[in-house]
Amino acid sequence: MGLKLTHYRQIDDIDAVAYTDLWASCGEPAFYHPALLLAAQQHPLLGTNGVHYLAAWDEEQLKALLVVYQQQNPDPFGTLGKTTGINFDGRGGLLGHIAHCYDSRLLLRPGNNSAATVLLESLRALAAELQIPNCGLINVGDPASLTAAERAGYAVKYMHDRYIIDLTYYRTFDDYVGKLPRHGRQEMKRQLRKFNTEGGRALILRADETDLAAAAKLCHVTSARNGTPHYYPEEAFTRFLGMCGDLISVISVQVDGHQVAAVICLREPCRLHLWAGGVVYTHSDFSPYTVMIAAGIQHAFVQRIPLIEAGRTNARIKARLGCRPKPLYSVLHNDACSTKGDRSHATDTM
């Protein structure tokens, strides 16, 4: 029997048991947690005109799912334009995941390559029907998704790197610090001494234990300070986080009654995502950013979590923190794009 294709506009319309089973078969990636998908659907952080869920079924089993958003501004940092030569201003795209997520993929049950091809072909047809010039996935590192996209004729282009700390190389937090590059080691020790001298606290809080609005505001203020005030809209991001439940936790760095850093973490098997963070520098002599990262790593050691996901950007700082780059790609269909792949930056073997 052939595959049955279905097209949904609401995540709740997909059978929850079937979706959870597919998600689990893919390793339960955090950015495809059902709660996060619902949050992104109901409280978009950047302008969208809706969500499309393209599904491939074999009888009652969900074999593959492609989640894309009709995005008005899919290129908030200009990265896509620089790496693909496409101007997304005013044209938008039918793209997954949202820009805030750095592990986009086609949810694909192992051994179902034909389902991936069919869904990617269906995405092209949907984009043509909606008269949207660009479709595909962005921030992709998943090998199966990249292979499927190349097979379906999508252009694969290097975008940028995300950064990972593999804690299996270290016995303890002190061992990790001791093996950092010299400048990173000295800076980490210096900032932690200042933090302890000032009587700071680093707290690991569940979502229901923390002020999500304060954390969202700190993310917004930091992003605005760096030139992208629209990236974390306070009210929408607060509502978004409120829907994520136990997927998220917050690392809060405090001193003298002030929250000077907060990072929203995502839970995933064997992986801790230090996802969205913010800092202020006016209440402390220590670096809130360095202490925030250190607290996340210490937490991972305590919980025996082997991998830290440290997001994108700040390559120089993250190299000092012992991060390794993992390349991310766009996979796009557009008449202006060559279908020739470009995976020459794939130096990481994780």
C-alpha atoms as a PDB file:
ATOM      1  CA  MET A   1       0.000   0.000   0.000  1.00  0.00           C
ATOM      2  CA  GLY A   2       1.312   3.454  -0.899  1.00  0.00           C
ATOM      3  CA  LEU A   3       1.823   6.381   1.432  1.00  0.00           C
ATOM      4  CA  LYS A   4      -1.124   8.571   2.338  1.00  0.00           C
ATOM      5  CA  LEU A   5      -0.383  12.313   2.402  1.00  0.00           C
ATOM      6  CA  THR A   6      -2.253  14.727   4.639  1.00  0.00           C
ATOM      7  CA  HIS A   7      -1.997  18.473   5.140  1.00  0.00           C
ATOM      8  CA  TYR A   8      -2.845  20.019   8.496  1.00  0.00           C
ATOM      9  CA  ARG A   9      -3.014  23.642   9.641  1.00  0.00           C
ATOM     10  CA  GLN A  10      -3.141  22.944  13.399  1.00  0.00           C
ATOM     11  CA  ILE A  11      -0.818  20.689  15.397  1.00  0.00           C
ATOM     12  CA  ASP A  12      -3.819  19.540  17.448  1.00  0.00           C
ATOM     13  CA  ASP A  13      -5.369  18.025  14.319  1.00  0.00           C
ATOM     14  CA  ILE A  14      -2.591  15.422  14.143  1.00  0.00           C
ATOM     15  CA  ASP A  15      -3.200  12.309  16.203  1.00  0.00           C
ATOM     16  CA  ALA A  16      -1.179  12.967  19.365  1.00  0.00           C
ATOM     17  CA  VAL A  17      -0.154   9.342  19.922  1.00  0.00           C
ATOM     18  CA  ALA A  18       1.017   8.948  16.329  1.00  0.00           C
ATOM     19  CA  TYR A  19       2.966  12.210  16.479  1.00  0.00           C
ATOM     20  CA  THR A  20       4.624  11.368  19.802  1.00  0.00           C
ATOM     21  CA  ASP A  21       5.654   7.974  18.459  1.00  0.00           C
ATOM     22  CA  LEU A  22       7.288   9.561  15.389  1.00  0.00           C
ATOM     23  CA  TRP A  23       8.980  12.245  17.506  1.00  0.00           C
ATOM     24  CA  ALA A  24      10.359   9.591  19.865  1.00  0.00           C
ATOM     25  CA  SER A  25      11.711   7.567  16.925  1.00  0.00           C
ATOM     26  CA  CYS A  26      13.705  10.690  15.937  1.00  0.00           C
ATOM     27  CA  GLY A  27      15.273  11.080  19.396  1.00  0.00           C
ATOM     28  CA  GLU A  28      12.751  13.591  20.798  1.00  0.00           C
ATOM     29  CA  PRO A  29      14.401  16.748  19.388  1.00  0.00           C
ATOM     30  CA  ALA A  30      13.538  19.680  21.649  1.00  0.00           C
ATOM     31  CA  PHE A  31      12.453  22.047  18.888  1.00  0.00           C
ATOM     32  CA  TYR A  32       9.783  19.551  17.814  1.00  0.00           C
ATOM     33  CA  HIS A  33       8.408  18.941  21.298  1.00  0.00           C
ATOM     34  CA  PRO A  34       4.603  19.086  20.936  1.00  0.00           C
ATOM     35  CA  ALA A  35       4.348  21.941  23.448  1.00  0.00           C
ATOM     36  CA  LEU A  36       6.913  24.054  21.599  1.00  0.00           C
ATOM     37  CA  LEU A  37       5.201  23.488  18.259  1.00  0.00           C
ATOM     38  CA  LEU A  38       1.899  24.568  19.778  1.00  0.00           C
ATOM     39  CA  ALA A  39       3.550  27.639  21.308  1.00  0.00           C
ATOM     40  CA  ALA A  40       5.108  28.598  17.964  1.00  0.00           C
ATOM     41  CA  GLN A  41       1.744  28.168  16.256  1.00  0.00           C
ATOM     42  CA  GLN A  42      -0.253  30.219  18.739  1.00  0.00           C
ATOM     43  CA  HIS A  43       2.336  32.861  19.690  1.00  0.00           C
ATOM     44  CA  PRO A  44       4.675  33.454  16.739  1.00  0.00           C
ATOM     45  CA  LEU A  45       7.760  35.465  17.646  1.00  0.00           C
ATOM     46  CA  LEU A  46       8.256  36.845  14.148  1.00  0.00           C
ATOM     47  CA  GLY A  47       5.550  37.561  11.588  1.00  0.00           C
ATOM     48  CA  THR A  48       3.880  34.499  10.104  1.00  0.00           C
ATOM     49  CA  ASN A  49       0.752  33.855   8.082  1.00  0.00           C
ATOM     50  CA  GLY A  50       0.158  30.392   9.438  1.00  0.00           C
ATOM     51  CA  VAL A  51       1.703  26.961   9.789  1.00  0.00           C
ATOM     52  CA  HIS A  52       1.585  23.918   7.519  1.00  0.00           C
ATOM     53  CA  TYR A  53       2.128  20.333   8.681  1.00  0.00           C
ATOM     54  CA  LEU A  54       2.717  17.919   5.812  1.00  0.00           C
ATOM     55  CA  ALA A  55       2.414  14.281   6.908  1.00  0.00           C
ATOM     56  CA  ALA A  56       3.109  10.927   5.287  1.00  0.00           C
ATOM     57  CA  TRP A  57       1.231   7.920   6.676  1.00  0.00           C
ATOM     58  CA  ASP A  58       1.430   4.187   6.163  1.00  0.00           C
ATOM     59  CA  GLU A  59      -1.957   3.030   7.410  1.00  0.00           C
ATOM     60  CA  GLU A  60      -2.079   4.247  11.052  1.00  0.00           C
ATOM     61  CA  GLN A  61       1.644   4.912  11.438  1.00  0.00           C
ATOM     62  CA  LEU A  62       3.033   8.395  10.839  1.00  0.00           C
ATOM     63  CA  LYS A  63       6.191   7.884   8.764  1.00  0.00           C
ATOM     64  CA  ALA A  64       7.344  11.469   8.281  1.00  0.00           C
ATOM     65  CA  LEU A  65       6.293  15.032   9.059  1.00  0.00           C
ATOM     66  CA  LEU A  66       7.441  18.346   7.630  1.00  0.00           C
ATOM     67  CA  VAL A  67       6.611  21.499   9.618  1.00  0.00           C
ATOM     68  CA  VAL A  68       6.866  24.842   7.814  1.00  0.00           C
ATOM     69  CA  TYR A  69       5.750  28.375   8.598  1.00  0.00           C
ATOM     70  CA  GLN A  70       4.565  30.949   6.126  1.00  0.00           C
ATOM     71  CA  GLN A  71       7.148  33.458   7.312  1.00  0.00           C
ATOM     72  CA  GLN A  72       7.062  37.139   6.495  1.00  0.00           C
ATOM     73  CA  ASN A  73      10.643  37.820   7.620  1.00  0.00           C
ATOM     74  CA  PRO A  74      12.575  34.550   7.672  1.00  0.00           C
ATOM     75  CA  ASP A  75      15.964  36.284   7.554  1.00  0.00           C
ATOM     76  CA  PRO A  76      16.177  38.580  10.611  1.00  0.00           C
ATOM     77  CA  PHE A  77      19.994  38.624  10.639  1.00  0.00           C
ATOM     78  CA  GLY A  78      20.558  38.622   6.870  1.00  0.00           C
ATOM     79  CA  THR A  79      22.311  35.240   6.984  1.00  0.00           C
ATOM     80  CA  LEU A  80      20.120  33.594   4.358  1.00  0.00           C
ATOM     81  CA  GLY A  81      20.559  36.472   1.956  1.00  0.00           C
ATOM     82  CA  LYS A  82      24.339  36.405   2.327  1.00  0.00           C
ATOM     83  CA  THR A  83      24.653  32.639   1.857  1.00  0.00           C
ATOM     84  CA  THR A  84      22.051  32.054  -0.862  1.00  0.00           C
ATOM     85  CA  GLY A  85      21.956  35.348  -2.750  1.00  0.00           C
ATOM     86  CA  ILE A  86      18.173  35.518  -2.273  1.00  0.00           C
ATOM     87  CA  ASN A  87      16.544  38.719  -1.082  1.00  0.00           C
ATOM     88  CA  PHE A  88      13.783  37.646   1.308  1.00  0.00           C
ATOM     89  CA  ASP A  89      12.561  41.190   2.068  1.00  0.00           C
ATOM     90  CA  GLY A  90       8.888  41.472   1.194  1.00  0.00           C
ATOM     91  CA  ARG A  91       8.845  37.984  -0.349  1.00  0.00           C
ATOM     92  CA  GLY A  92       8.970  35.737   2.688  1.00  0.00           C
ATOM     93  CA  GLY A  93       9.079  31.991   2.500  1.00  0.00           C
ATOM     94  CA  LEU A  94       7.409  28.721   3.385  1.00  0.00           C
ATOM     95  CA  LEU A  95      10.152  27.598   5.713  1.00  0.00           C
ATOM     96  CA  GLY A  96      10.831  25.521   8.794  1.00  0.00           C
ATOM     97  CA  HIS A  97      11.741  25.883  11.560  1.00  0.00           C
ATOM     98  CA  ILE A  98      11.263  29.397  12.962  1.00  0.00           C
ATOM     99  CA  ALA A  99      14.475  31.444  13.011  1.00  0.00           C
ATOM    100  CA  HIS A 100      14.903  30.955  16.775  1.00  0.00           C
ATOM    101  CA  CYS A 101      15.451  27.206  16.354  1.00  0.00           C
ATOM    102  CA  TYR A 102      18.859  25.869  15.319  1.00  0.00           C
ATOM    103  CA  ASP A 103      18.033  22.196  14.774  1.00  0.00           C
ATOM    104  CA  SER A 104      15.497  22.163  11.940  1.00  0.00           C
ATOM    105  CA  ARG A 105      14.782  18.826  10.353  1.00  0.00           C
ATOM    106  CA  LEU A 106      12.296  16.664   8.577  1.00  0.00           C
ATOM    107  CA  LEU A 107      10.891  14.294  11.191  1.00  0.00           C
ATOM    108  CA  LEU A 108      11.582  10.989   9.510  1.00  0.00           C
ATOM    109  CA  ARG A 109      11.183   7.498  10.863  1.00  0.00           C
ATOM    110  CA  PRO A 110      14.426   5.585  10.095  1.00  0.00           C
ATOM    111  CA  GLY A 111      14.346   3.692   6.814  1.00  0.00           C
ATOM    112  CA  ASN A 112      11.589   5.768   5.193  1.00  0.00           C
ATOM    113  CA  ASN A 113      13.499   7.788   2.604  1.00  0.00           C
ATOM    114  CA  SER A 114      10.648   7.637   0.094  1.00  0.00           C
ATOM    115  CA  ALA A 115       8.380   9.427   2.576  1.00  0.00           C
ATOM    116  CA  ALA A 116      10.911  12.261   2.855  1.00  0.00           C
ATOM    117  CA  THR A 117      11.073  12.682  -0.908  1.00  0.00           C
ATOM    118  CA  VAL A 118       7.295  12.755  -1.233  1.00  0.00           C
ATOM    119  CA  LEU A 119       6.933  15.410   1.479  1.00  0.00           C
ATOM    120  CA  LEU A 120       9.601  17.645  -0.027  1.00  0.00           C
ATOM    121  CA  GLU A 121       7.904  17.387  -3.415  1.00  0.00           C
ATOM    122  CA  SER A 122       4.577  18.216  -1.733  1.00  0.00           C
ATOM    123  CA  LEU A 123       6.172  21.286  -0.146  1.00  0.00           C
ATOM    124  CA  ARG A 124       7.242  22.562  -3.560  1.00  0.00           C
ATOM    125  CA  ALA A 125       3.706  22.078  -4.852  1.00  0.00           C
ATOM    126  CA  LEU A 126       2.213  23.871  -1.849  1.00  0.00           C
ATOM    127  CA  ALA A 127       4.560  26.839  -2.280  1.00  0.00           C
ATOM    128  CA  ALA A 128       3.580  27.092  -5.944  1.00  0.00           C
ATOM    129  CA  GLU A 129      -0.103  26.907  -5.048  1.00  0.00           C
ATOM    130  CA  LEU A 130       0.315  29.697  -2.476  1.00  0.00           C
ATOM    131  CA  GLN A 131       2.545  31.689  -4.861  1.00  0.00           C
ATOM    132  CA  ILE A 132       5.369  31.780  -2.330  1.00  0.00           C
ATOM    133  CA  PRO A 133       8.751  31.954  -4.086  1.00  0.00           C
ATOM    134  CA  ASN A 134      10.919  30.225  -1.469  1.00  0.00           C
ATOM    135  CA  CYS A 135      10.376  26.999   0.426  1.00  0.00           C
ATOM    136  CA  GLY A 136      12.460  24.569   2.421  1.00  0.00           C
ATOM    137  CA  LEU A 137      14.257  24.293   5.735  1.00  0.00           C
ATOM    138  CA  ILE A 138      16.785  26.548   7.481  1.00  0.00           C
ATOM    139  CA  ASN A 139      19.330  25.839  10.225  1.00  0.00           C
ATOM    140  CA  VAL A 140      19.587  22.155   9.314  1.00  0.00           C
ATOM    141  CA  GLY A 141      22.310  19.913  10.712  1.00  0.00           C
ATOM    142  CA  ASP A 142      20.510  16.569  10.664  1.00  0.00           C
ATOM    143  CA  PRO A 143      22.281  14.299   8.119  1.00  0.00           C
ATOM    144  CA  ALA A 144      19.121  12.412   7.096  1.00  0.00           C
ATOM    145  CA  SER A 145      17.295  15.667   6.337  1.00  0.00           C
ATOM    146  CA  LEU A 146      20.220  17.036   4.319  1.00  0.00           C
ATOM    147  CA  THR A 147      20.488  13.842   2.292  1.00  0.00           C
ATOM    148  CA  ALA A 148      16.741  13.791   1.626  1.00  0.00           C
ATOM    149  CA  ALA A 149      16.789  17.438   0.519  1.00  0.00           C
ATOM    150  CA  GLU A 150      19.672  16.863  -1.890  1.00  0.00           C
ATOM    151  CA  ARG A 151      17.894  13.814  -3.299  1.00  0.00           C
ATOM    152  CA  ALA A 152      14.750  15.911  -3.845  1.00  0.00           C
ATOM    153  CA  GLY A 153      16.678  18.591  -5.742  1.00  0.00           C
ATOM    154  CA  TYR A 154      16.796  21.303  -3.072  1.00  0.00           C
ATOM    155  CA  ALA A 155      19.808  23.620  -2.943  1.00  0.00           C
ATOM    156  CA  VAL A 156      21.917  22.943   0.152  1.00  0.00           C
ATOM    157  CA  LYS A 157      23.944  25.959   1.305  1.00  0.00           C
ATOM    158  CA  TYR A 158      26.093  26.486   4.382  1.00  0.00           C
ATOM    159  CA  MET A 159      24.555  29.121   6.687  1.00  0.00           C
ATOM    160  CA  HIS A 160      26.582  29.344   9.896  1.00  0.00           C
ATOM    161  CA  ASP A 161      27.597  27.234  12.903  1.00  0.00           C
ATOM    162  CA  ARG A 162      25.960  26.222  16.113  1.00  0.00           C
ATOM    163  CA  TYR A 163      28.155  25.436  19.117  1.00  0.00           C
ATOM    164  CA  ILE A 164      28.327  22.328  21.265  1.00  0.00           C
ATOM    165  CA  ILE A 165      30.301  21.380  24.368  1.00  0.00           C
ATOM    166  CA  ASP A 166      30.909  17.650  24.694  1.00  0.00           C
ATOM    167  CA  LEU A 167      31.284  16.993  28.408  1.00  0.00           C
ATOM    168  CA  THR A 168      32.255  13.347  27.933  1.00  0.00           C
ATOM    169  CA  TYR A 169      35.841  14.572  27.558  1.00  0.00           C
ATOM    170  CA  TYR A 170      35.858  15.773  31.188  1.00  0.00           C
ATOM    171  CA  ARG A 171      35.454  14.092  34.570  1.00  0.00           C
ATOM    172  CA  THR A 172      34.201  17.112  36.517  1.00  0.00           C
ATOM    173  CA  PHE A 173      33.499  20.822  36.113  1.00  0.00           C
ATOM    174  CA  ASP A 174      36.970  21.631  37.468  1.00  0.00           C
ATOM    175  CA  ASP A 175      38.465  19.250  34.910  1.00  0.00           C
ATOM    176  CA  TYR A 176      36.524  21.047  32.175  1.00  0.00           C
ATOM    177  CA  VAL A 177      37.811  24.452  33.327  1.00  0.00           C
ATOM    178  CA  GLY A 178      41.358  23.138  33.617  1.00  0.00           C
ATOM    179  CA  LYS A 179      41.338  21.964  29.995  1.00  0.00           C
ATOM    180  CA  LEU A 180      39.971  25.167  28.464  1.00  0.00           C
ATOM    181  CA  PRO A 181      42.251  27.225  26.199  1.00  0.00           C
ATOM    182  CA  ARG A 182      44.555  29.367  28.346  1.00  0.00           C
ATOM    183  CA  HIS A 183      42.660  32.643  27.993  1.00  0.00           C
ATOM    184  CA  GLY A 184      39.305  30.939  28.479  1.00  0.00           C
ATOM    185  CA  ARG A 185      40.568  29.116  31.569  1.00  0.00           C
ATOM    186  CA  GLN A 186      41.949  32.283  33.128  1.00  0.00           C
ATOM    187  CA  GLU A 187      38.803  34.256  32.351  1.00  0.00           C
ATOM    188  CA  MET A 188      36.473  31.576  33.720  1.00  0.00           C
ATOM    189  CA  LYS A 189      38.411  31.349  36.999  1.00  0.00           C
ATOM    190  CA  ARG A 190      38.588  35.138  37.326  1.00  0.00           C
ATOM    191  CA  GLN A 191      34.872  35.666  36.754  1.00  0.00           C
ATOM    192  CA  LEU A 192      33.875  32.872  39.149  1.00  0.00           C
ATOM    193  CA  ARG A 193      36.114  34.383  41.846  1.00  0.00           C
ATOM    194  CA  LYS A 194      34.418  37.764  41.363  1.00  0.00           C
ATOM    195  CA  PHE A 195      31.004  36.089  41.418  1.00  0.00           C
ATOM    196  CA  ASN A 196      31.752  34.343  44.712  1.00  0.00           C
ATOM    197  CA  THR A 197      33.263  37.487  46.244  1.00  0.00           C
ATOM    198  CA  GLU A 198      30.128  39.480  45.396  1.00  0.00           C
ATOM    199  CA  GLY A 199      27.894  36.825  46.928  1.00  0.00           C
ATOM    200  CA  GLY A 200      26.100  35.980  43.697  1.00  0.00           C
ATOM    201  CA  ARG A 201      23.702  33.066  43.275  1.00  0.00           C
ATOM    202  CA  ALA A 202      23.009  30.821  40.302  1.00  0.00           C
ATOM    203  CA  LEU A 203      19.634  29.089  40.489  1.00  0.00           C
ATOM    204  CA  ILE A 204      18.205  26.306  38.334  1.00  0.00           C
ATOM    205  CA  LEU A 205      14.460  26.898  38.217  1.00  0.00           C
ATOM    206  CA  ARG A 206      11.517  25.048  36.748  1.00  0.00           C
ATOM    207  CA  ALA A 207       9.195  27.066  34.569  1.00  0.00           C
ATOM    208  CA  ASP A 208       6.614  27.228  37.360  1.00  0.00           C
ATOM    209  CA  GLU A 209       9.229  28.507  39.835  1.00  0.00           C
ATOM    210  CA  THR A 210      10.449  31.508  37.884  1.00  0.00           C
ATOM    211  CA  ASP A 211       9.176  34.805  36.509  1.00  0.00           C
ATOM    212  CA  LEU A 212       8.992  33.999  32.808  1.00  0.00           C
ATOM    213  CA  ALA A 213       8.083  37.592  31.964  1.00  0.00           C
ATOM    214  CA  ALA A 214      11.302  38.827  33.607  1.00  0.00           C
ATOM    215  CA  ALA A 215      13.356  36.253  31.698  1.00  0.00           C
ATOM    216  CA  ALA A 216      11.641  37.193  28.420  1.00  0.00           C
ATOM    217  CA  LYS A 217      12.286  40.878  29.093  1.00  0.00           C
ATOM    218  CA  LEU A 218      15.967  40.215  29.699  1.00  0.00           C
ATOM    219  CA  CYS A 219      16.182  38.344  26.379  1.00  0.00           C
ATOM    220  CA  HIS A 220      14.413  41.220  24.630  1.00  0.00           C
ATOM    221  CA  VAL A 221      16.626  43.907  26.176  1.00  0.00           C
ATOM    222  CA  THR A 222      19.787  42.022  25.257  1.00  0.00           C
ATOM    223  CA  SER A 223      18.653  41.373  21.691  1.00  0.00           C
ATOM    224  CA  ALA A 224      17.640  45.032  21.312  1.00  0.00           C
ATOM    225  CA  ARG A 225      21.045  46.124  22.603  1.00  0.00           C
ATOM    226  CA  ASN A 226      22.581  44.022  19.837  1.00  0.00           C
ATOM    227  CA  GLY A 227      20.444  45.621  17.135  1.00  0.00           C
ATOM    228  CA  THR A 228      17.493  43.197  16.803  1.00  0.00           C
ATOM    229  CA  PRO A 229      14.717  44.543  19.069  1.00  0.00           C
ATOM    230  CA  HIS A 230      12.013  42.589  17.213  1.00  0.00           C
ATOM    231  CA  TYR A 231      13.596  39.173  17.731  1.00  0.00           C
ATOM    232  CA  TYR A 232      12.162  38.467  21.209  1.00  0.00           C
ATOM    233  CA  PRO A 233       8.916  40.470  21.521  1.00  0.00           C
ATOM    234  CA  GLU A 234       8.302  40.533  25.270  1.00  0.00           C
ATOM    235  CA  GLU A 235       4.604  39.724  25.487  1.00  0.00           C
ATOM    236  CA  ALA A 236       4.584  37.087  22.757  1.00  0.00           C
ATOM    237  CA  PHE A 237       7.729  35.426  24.108  1.00  0.00           C
ATOM    238  CA  THR A 238       6.319  35.326  27.631  1.00  0.00           C
ATOM    239  CA  ARG A 239       3.160  33.622  26.364  1.00  0.00           C
ATOM    240  CA  PHE A 240       5.272  31.293  24.215  1.00  0.00           C
ATOM    241  CA  LEU A 241       7.339  30.200  27.225  1.00  0.00           C
ATOM    242  CA  GLY A 242       4.251  29.782  29.358  1.00  0.00           C
ATOM    243  CA  MET A 243       3.002  27.070  26.992  1.00  0.00           C
ATOM    244  CA  CYS A 244       6.219  25.031  27.044  1.00  0.00           C
ATOM    245  CA  GLY A 245       5.679  23.461  30.477  1.00  0.00           C
ATOM    246  CA  ASP A 246       8.389  21.125  31.714  1.00  0.00           C
ATOM    247  CA  LEU A 247      10.260  21.324  28.404  1.00  0.00           C
ATOM    248  CA  ILE A 248      11.933  24.453  29.747  1.00  0.00           C
ATOM    249  CA  SER A 249      13.871  25.483  32.804  1.00  0.00           C
ATOM    250  CA  VAL A 250      15.633  28.755  33.580  1.00  0.00           C
ATOM    251  CA  ILE A 251      19.130  29.375  34.884  1.00  0.00           C
ATOM    252  CA  SER A 252      18.991  32.649  36.806  1.00  0.00           C
ATOM    253  CA  VAL A 253      22.116  34.513  37.958  1.00  0.00           C
ATOM    254  CA  GLN A 254      21.388  36.951  40.772  1.00  0.00           C
ATOM    255  CA  VAL A 255      23.297  39.417  42.915  1.00  0.00           C
ATOM    256  CA  ASP A 256      22.067  41.951  45.485  1.00  0.00           C
ATOM    257  CA  GLY A 257      18.447  41.238  44.601  1.00  0.00           C
ATOM    258  CA  HIS A 258      18.969  41.765  40.871  1.00  0.00           C
ATOM    259  CA  GLN A 259      18.655  39.162  38.132  1.00  0.00           C
ATOM    260  CA  VAL A 260      21.711  39.893  35.999  1.00  0.00           C
ATOM    261  CA  ALA A 261      21.446  36.916  33.645  1.00  0.00           C
ATOM    262  CA  ALA A 262      18.882  34.355  32.629  1.00  0.00           C
ATOM    263  CA  VAL A 263      19.003  31.618  30.051  1.00  0.00           C
ATOM    264  CA  ILE A 264      16.007  29.553  29.029  1.00  0.00           C
ATOM    265  CA  CYS A 265      17.014  25.910  28.699  1.00  0.00           C
ATOM    266  CA  LEU A 266      15.341  23.186  26.684  1.00  0.00           C
ATOM    267  CA  ARG A 267      15.303  19.569  27.832  1.00  0.00           C
ATOM    268  CA  GLU A 268      16.245  16.821  25.390  1.00  0.00           C
ATOM    269  CA  PRO A 269      17.550  13.294  25.972  1.00  0.00           C
ATOM    270  CA  CYS A 270      21.338  13.496  26.584  1.00  0.00           C
ATOM    271  CA  ARG A 271      21.372  17.201  25.703  1.00  0.00           C
ATOM    272  CA  LEU A 272      20.863  20.519  27.489  1.00  0.00           C
ATOM    273  CA  HIS A 273      20.059  23.474  25.251  1.00  0.00           C
ATOM    274  CA  LEU A 274      21.139  26.868  26.588  1.00  0.00           C
ATOM    275  CA  TRP A 275      18.652  28.342  24.188  1.00  0.00           C
ATOM    276  CA  ALA A 276      17.640  31.971  24.747  1.00  0.00           C
ATOM    277  CA  GLY A 277      19.483  34.207  27.165  1.00  0.00           C
ATOM    278  CA  GLY A 278      19.898  37.758  28.310  1.00  0.00           C
ATOM    279  CA  VAL A 279      22.306  39.685  30.520  1.00  0.00           C
ATOM    280  CA  VAL A 280      22.733  43.106  32.110  1.00  0.00           C
ATOM    281  CA  TYR A 281      26.114  44.428  33.180  1.00  0.00           C
ATOM    282  CA  THR A 282      25.131  47.316  35.461  1.00  0.00           C
ATOM    283  CA  HIS A 283      24.740  45.457  38.782  1.00  0.00           C
ATOM    284  CA  SER A 284      27.908  43.378  39.019  1.00  0.00           C
ATOM    285  CA  ASP A 285      31.660  43.438  38.485  1.00  0.00           C
ATOM    286  CA  PHE A 286      31.655  39.837  37.244  1.00  0.00           C
ATOM    287  CA  SER A 287      30.575  38.807  33.764  1.00  0.00           C
ATOM    288  CA  PRO A 288      26.960  37.586  33.996  1.00  0.00           C
ATOM    289  CA  TYR A 289      27.354  35.801  30.652  1.00  0.00           C
ATOM    290  CA  THR A 290      30.356  33.743  31.744  1.00  0.00           C
ATOM    291  CA  VAL A 291      28.733  32.822  35.054  1.00  0.00           C
ATOM    292  CA  MET A 292      25.480  31.902  33.287  1.00  0.00           C
ATOM    293  CA  ILE A 293      27.299  29.505  30.960  1.00  0.00           C
ATOM    294  CA  ALA A 294      29.310  28.067  33.860  1.00  0.00           C
ATOM    295  CA  ALA A 295      26.104  27.433  35.821  1.00  0.00           C
ATOM    296  CA  GLY A 296      24.615  25.586  32.860  1.00  0.00           C
ATOM    297  CA  ILE A 297      27.688  23.379  32.532  1.00  0.00           C
ATOM    298  CA  GLN A 298      27.758  22.663  36.275  1.00  0.00           C
ATOM    299  CA  HIS A 299      24.079  21.704  36.115  1.00  0.00           C
ATOM    300  CA  ALA A 300      24.789  19.349  33.216  1.00  0.00           C
ATOM    301  CA  PHE A 301      27.527  17.612  35.201  1.00  0.00           C
ATOM    302  CA  VAL A 302      25.204  17.165  38.175  1.00  0.00           C
ATOM    303  CA  GLN A 303      22.460  15.738  35.955  1.00  0.00           C
ATOM    304  CA  ARG A 304      24.936  13.627  33.938  1.00  0.00           C
ATOM    305  CA  ILE A 305      23.951  15.313  30.672  1.00  0.00           C
ATOM    306  CA  PRO A 306      26.763  14.733  28.175  1.00  0.00           C
ATOM    307  CA  LEU A 307      26.120  17.509  25.631  1.00  0.00           C
ATOM    308  CA  ILE A 308      25.599  21.247  25.983  1.00  0.00           C
ATOM    309  CA  GLU A 309      24.035  23.162  23.101  1.00  0.00           C
ATOM    310  CA  ALA A 310      25.301  26.743  23.255  1.00  0.00           C
ATOM    311  CA  GLY A 311      23.408  28.256  20.325  1.00  0.00           C
ATOM    312  CA  ARG A 312      24.815  30.292  17.454  1.00  0.00           C
ATOM    313  CA  THR A 313      26.960  33.453  17.103  1.00  0.00           C
ATOM    314  CA  ASN A 314      29.788  34.688  19.371  1.00  0.00           C
ATOM    315  CA  ALA A 315      32.284  32.285  17.801  1.00  0.00           C
ATOM    316  CA  ARG A 316      35.328  33.820  19.504  1.00  0.00           C
ATOM    317  CA  ILE A 317      33.808  33.700  22.987  1.00  0.00           C
ATOM    318  CA  LYS A 318      32.468  30.191  22.513  1.00  0.00           C
ATOM    319  CA  ALA A 319      35.842  28.910  21.346  1.00  0.00           C
ATOM    320  CA  ARG A 320      37.255  30.127  24.671  1.00  0.00           C
ATOM    321  CA  LEU A 321      34.488  28.158  26.409  1.00  0.00           C
ATOM    322  CA  GLY A 322      35.538  24.924  24.732  1.00  0.00           C
ATOM    323  CA  CYS A 323      32.695  24.808  22.218  1.00  0.00           C
ATOM    324  CA  ARG A 324      33.007  22.953  18.931  1.00  0.00           C
ATOM    325  CA  PRO A 325      31.254  24.251  15.798  1.00  0.00           C
ATOM    326  CA  LYS A 326      28.621  22.178  14.027  1.00  0.00           C
ATOM    327  CA  PRO A 327      27.676  23.533  10.577  1.00  0.00           C
ATOM    328  CA  LEU A 328      24.090  24.405   9.763  1.00  0.00           C
ATOM    329  CA  TYR A 329      22.636  24.619   6.273  1.00  0.00           C
ATOM    330  CA  SER A 330      19.675  25.982   4.401  1.00  0.00           C
ATOM    331  CA  VAL A 331      17.885  23.625   2.022  1.00  0.00           C
ATOM    332  CA  LEU A 332      15.809  25.729  -0.340  1.00  0.00           C
ATOM    333  CA  HIS A 333      13.805  25.535  -3.499  1.00  0.00           C
ATOM    334  CA  ASN A 334      13.894  28.754  -5.481  1.00  0.00           C
ATOM    335  CA  ASP A 335      14.351  29.434  -9.182  1.00  0.00           C
ATOM    336  CA  ALA A 336      17.297  31.676  -8.349  1.00  0.00           C
ATOM    337  CA  CYS A 337      19.050  28.929  -6.357  1.00  0.00           C
ATOM    338  CA  SER A 338      21.393  26.415  -7.882  1.00  0.00           C
ATOM    339  CA  THR A 339      20.608  22.864  -6.887  1.00  0.00           C
ATOM    340  CA  LYS A 340      24.291  22.156  -6.416  1.00  0.00           C
ATOM    341  CA  GLY A 341      24.999  21.293  -2.797  1.00  0.00           C
ATOM    342  CA  ASP A 342      27.566  23.036  -0.605  1.00  0.00           C
ATOM    343  CA  ARG A 343      28.421  20.922   2.408  1.00  0.00           C
ATOM    344  CA  SER A 344      32.138  21.673   2.395  1.00  0.00           C
ATOM    345  CA  HIS A 345      31.933  23.206   5.893  1.00  0.00           C
ATOM    346  CA  ALA A 346      30.833  19.895   7.425  1.00  0.00           C
ATOM    347  CA  THR A 347      33.968  19.435   9.557  1.00  0.00           C
ATOM    348  CA  ASP A 348      32.215  18.254  12.686  1.00  0.00           C
ATOM    349  CA  THR A 349      31.561  14.526  13.067  1.00  0.00           C
ATOM    350  CA  MET A 350      29.072  14.666  15.937  1.00  0.00           C
END
